[in-house]
Amino acid sequence: MVGIMQNLVYGLAVRALLSDDDGKILIIKRSTDSKTNPGKWEFPGGKVDPEESFDQALLREVYEETNLKIGLDHVVGVSEQNLHVIRAVHIIMSGNIIDGELKLSDEHEGYAWVFFEDLIEYELADWLEHFVNNQYQIIKGKEELDKKKEPENMIKPWLKSIKSSFDSVKAKK
């Protein structure tokens, strides 16, 4: 007999991986009274509204949450989050700050600039913890490929971007 599987509705969220000149990444802490991931750290961003493009949603969400105007570069990853009736898919895009002074909305109660490798020291939102763990596995796999002298052109561009970010951060320490 086949088990009955509950069909979850998929929701779409977009997140911004923003870094400063030192290679540190902006994370923001959700308020403790938040419905999802209370008191946990995440990248700025949020839900995509109907009839809204990914980039419009991300620009809007980041501005609402941080008062920062940003430019977007490219997709660096995807993560999932299983909620009660919704499975949220988080598309994570790298970007840069164009204008504004960081000021958090009421949805968040703190912010930090941290090196990617130090994210594991924070209590992360479940979807971000999943993303970070996957990135570490990818980078470890990339390092194994480098040992085998795999041609650079075989590596996906966003993976090279994350690896080069790690390399530059390590060089600055």
Protein backbone atom coordinates (compact mmCIF):
# COMPACT_ATOMS: atom_id res chain seq x y z
CA MET A 1 0.00 0.00 0.00
CA VAL A 2 1.33 3.39 -0.97
CA GLY A 3 1.48 5.98 1.84
CA ILE A 4 -0.40 9.22 1.48
CA MET A 5 1.98 12.09 0.96
CA GLN A 6 0.93 15.61 1.82
CA ASN A 7 1.50 17.93 -1.12
CA LEU A 8 3.25 21.04 0.07
CA VAL A 9 2.77 24.32 -1.73
CA TYR A 10 6.04 25.84 -2.92
CA GLY A 11 6.82 29.42 -2.06
CA LEU A 12 9.66 31.46 -3.48
CA ALA A 13 12.05 33.64 -1.49
CA VAL A 14 15.13 35.56 -2.61
CA ARG A 15 18.16 36.41 -0.47
CA ALA A 16 21.15 38.71 -0.93
CA LEU A 17 24.70 37.69 -0.14
CA LEU A 18 26.28 41.13 0.34
CA SER A 19 29.95 41.54 1.17
CA ASP A 20 32.08 44.50 2.25
CA ASP A 21 35.58 45.48 1.11
CA ASP A 22 37.13 43.08 3.63
CA GLY A 23 35.17 40.11 2.25
CA LYS A 24 32.78 39.95 5.21
CA ILE A 25 29.14 39.04 4.58
CA LEU A 26 26.11 40.85 6.02
CA ILE A 27 23.81 38.73 8.18
CA ILE A 28 20.78 40.00 10.06
CA LYS A 29 19.10 38.53 13.14
CA ARG A 30 15.36 37.92 13.06
CA SER A 31 13.37 39.33 15.96
CA THR A 32 12.57 36.90 18.76
CA ASP A 33 8.83 37.25 18.11
CA SER A 34 9.14 36.25 14.44
CA LYS A 35 6.84 33.44 13.21
CA THR A 36 9.71 31.64 11.45
CA ASN A 37 13.27 31.23 12.71
CA PRO A 38 12.87 33.61 15.69
CA GLY A 39 16.19 34.99 16.93
CA LYS A 40 18.16 33.32 14.14
CA TRP A 41 20.56 34.85 11.63
CA GLU A 42 19.95 35.06 7.88
CA PHE A 43 20.82 36.95 4.71
CA PRO A 44 18.55 39.92 3.90
CA GLY A 45 15.61 39.18 1.62
CA GLY A 46 12.21 37.60 1.64
CA LYS A 47 9.19 36.41 -0.30
CA VAL A 48 8.55 37.13 -3.95
CA ASP A 49 5.09 38.64 -4.35
CA PRO A 50 2.78 37.57 -7.20
CA GLU A 51 3.54 39.38 -10.45
CA GLU A 52 6.96 40.45 -9.09
CA SER A 53 10.28 39.42 -10.66
CA PHE A 54 13.07 37.88 -8.54
CA ASP A 55 15.26 40.96 -8.81
CA GLN A 56 12.43 43.39 -8.02
CA ALA A 57 11.53 41.34 -4.94
CA LEU A 58 15.10 41.17 -3.72
CA LEU A 59 15.76 44.88 -4.20
CA ARG A 60 12.49 45.67 -2.38
CA GLU A 61 13.04 43.21 0.48
CA VAL A 62 16.64 44.27 1.13
CA TYR A 63 15.62 47.93 1.17
CA GLU A 64 12.67 47.27 3.51
CA GLU A 65 14.83 45.25 5.92
CA THR A 66 18.11 47.22 5.84
CA ASN A 67 17.50 50.61 4.19
CA LEU A 68 20.21 49.67 1.65
CA LYS A 69 19.97 50.02 -2.11
CA ILE A 70 21.82 47.20 -3.80
CA GLY A 71 22.88 45.96 -7.21
CA LEU A 72 22.70 42.27 -8.09
CA ASP A 73 25.44 40.14 -9.61
CA HIS A 74 24.43 36.49 -10.03
CA VAL A 75 22.83 33.45 -8.40
CA VAL A 76 25.20 31.73 -5.97
CA GLY A 77 22.92 29.03 -4.63
CA VAL A 78 19.55 27.69 -3.63
CA SER A 79 18.20 26.31 -0.37
CA GLU A 80 14.92 24.84 0.88
CA GLN A 81 12.93 25.39 4.03
CA ASN A 82 10.04 23.16 5.08
CA LEU A 83 7.35 25.07 6.94
CA HIS A 84 3.96 23.74 8.07
CA VAL A 85 2.16 23.91 4.72
CA ILE A 86 4.74 25.59 2.52
CA ARG A 87 8.12 24.49 1.23
CA ALA A 88 10.05 27.70 0.66
CA VAL A 89 12.75 27.74 -1.99
CA HIS A 90 15.37 30.41 -1.29
CA ILE A 91 17.33 31.72 -4.28
CA ILE A 92 20.53 33.34 -3.05
CA MET A 93 22.09 36.06 -5.21
CA SER A 94 25.33 37.93 -4.71
CA GLY A 95 25.14 41.68 -4.79
CA ASN A 96 26.76 44.92 -3.79
CA ILE A 97 25.65 47.95 -1.80
CA ILE A 98 25.04 50.99 -3.97
CA ASP A 99 23.64 53.47 -1.46
CA GLY A 100 22.16 53.88 1.99
CA GLU A 101 23.05 53.60 5.64
CA LEU A 102 22.27 50.30 7.35
CA LYS A 103 19.11 50.62 9.46
CA LEU A 104 17.12 47.52 10.37
CA SER A 105 13.35 47.19 10.17
CA ASP A 106 11.29 45.91 13.11
CA GLU A 107 11.54 42.38 11.65
CA HIS A 108 15.19 42.17 12.74
CA GLU A 109 17.04 43.00 15.95
CA GLY A 110 20.69 42.82 15.01
CA TYR A 111 23.26 42.63 12.24
CA ALA A 112 26.83 41.47 11.82
CA TRP A 113 29.52 41.47 9.15
CA VAL A 114 31.22 38.06 9.23
CA PHE A 115 33.55 35.97 7.12
CA PHE A 116 31.72 33.15 5.34
CA GLU A 117 33.77 30.55 7.21
CA ASP A 118 32.63 32.05 10.56
CA LEU A 119 28.90 31.73 9.80
CA ILE A 120 28.83 28.36 11.54
CA GLU A 121 29.47 30.16 14.84
CA TYR A 122 26.03 31.81 14.60
CA GLU A 123 22.61 30.30 15.19
CA LEU A 124 21.47 30.38 11.57
CA ALA A 125 18.01 30.08 10.06
CA ASP A 126 17.54 26.45 8.96
CA TRP A 127 17.63 27.27 5.24
CA LEU A 128 20.88 29.27 5.64
CA GLU A 129 22.53 26.54 7.70
CA HIS A 130 21.69 24.08 4.90
CA PHE A 131 23.16 26.46 2.28
CA VAL A 132 26.37 27.05 4.27
CA ASN A 133 26.91 23.32 4.82
CA ASN A 134 26.42 22.66 1.09
CA GLN A 135 28.92 25.39 0.18
CA TYR A 136 31.55 23.87 2.46
CA GLN A 137 31.02 20.49 0.76
CA ILE A 138 31.28 22.08 -2.69
CA ILE A 139 34.46 23.94 -1.78
CA LYS A 140 35.98 20.80 -0.30
CA GLY A 141 35.11 18.97 -3.53
CA LYS A 142 36.63 21.82 -5.56
CA GLU A 143 39.85 21.55 -3.58
CA GLU A 144 39.95 17.81 -4.32
CA LEU A 145 39.47 18.58 -8.04
CA ASP A 146 42.33 21.09 -7.91
CA LYS A 147 44.58 18.38 -6.50
CA LYS A 148 43.76 16.29 -9.57
CA LYS A 149 44.62 19.31 -11.78
CA GLU A 150 41.14 19.51 -13.31
CA PRO A 151 40.95 22.22 -16.03
CA GLU A 152 39.61 25.54 -14.67
CA ASN A 153 37.03 25.79 -17.46
CA MET A 154 35.28 22.69 -16.08
CA ILE A 155 34.29 24.57 -12.91
CA LYS A 156 31.02 26.50 -12.82
CA PRO A 157 31.56 30.30 -12.71
CA TRP A 158 29.65 30.84 -9.43
CA LEU A 159 31.72 28.12 -7.77
CA LYS A 160 34.92 29.87 -8.88
CA SER A 161 33.47 33.09 -7.43
CA ILE A 162 32.82 31.51 -4.02
CA LYS A 163 36.22 29.78 -4.03
CA SER A 164 38.03 33.01 -4.97
CA SER A 165 36.13 34.85 -2.20
CA PHE A 166 37.33 32.25 0.29
CA ASP A 167 40.89 32.51 -1.05
CA SER A 168 40.91 36.32 -0.73
CA VAL A 169 39.44 36.16 2.78
CA LYS A 170 42.12 33.64 3.84
CA ALA A 171 44.84 35.86 2.34
CA LYS A 172 43.64 38.88 4.38
CA LYS A 173 43.79 37.04 7.70
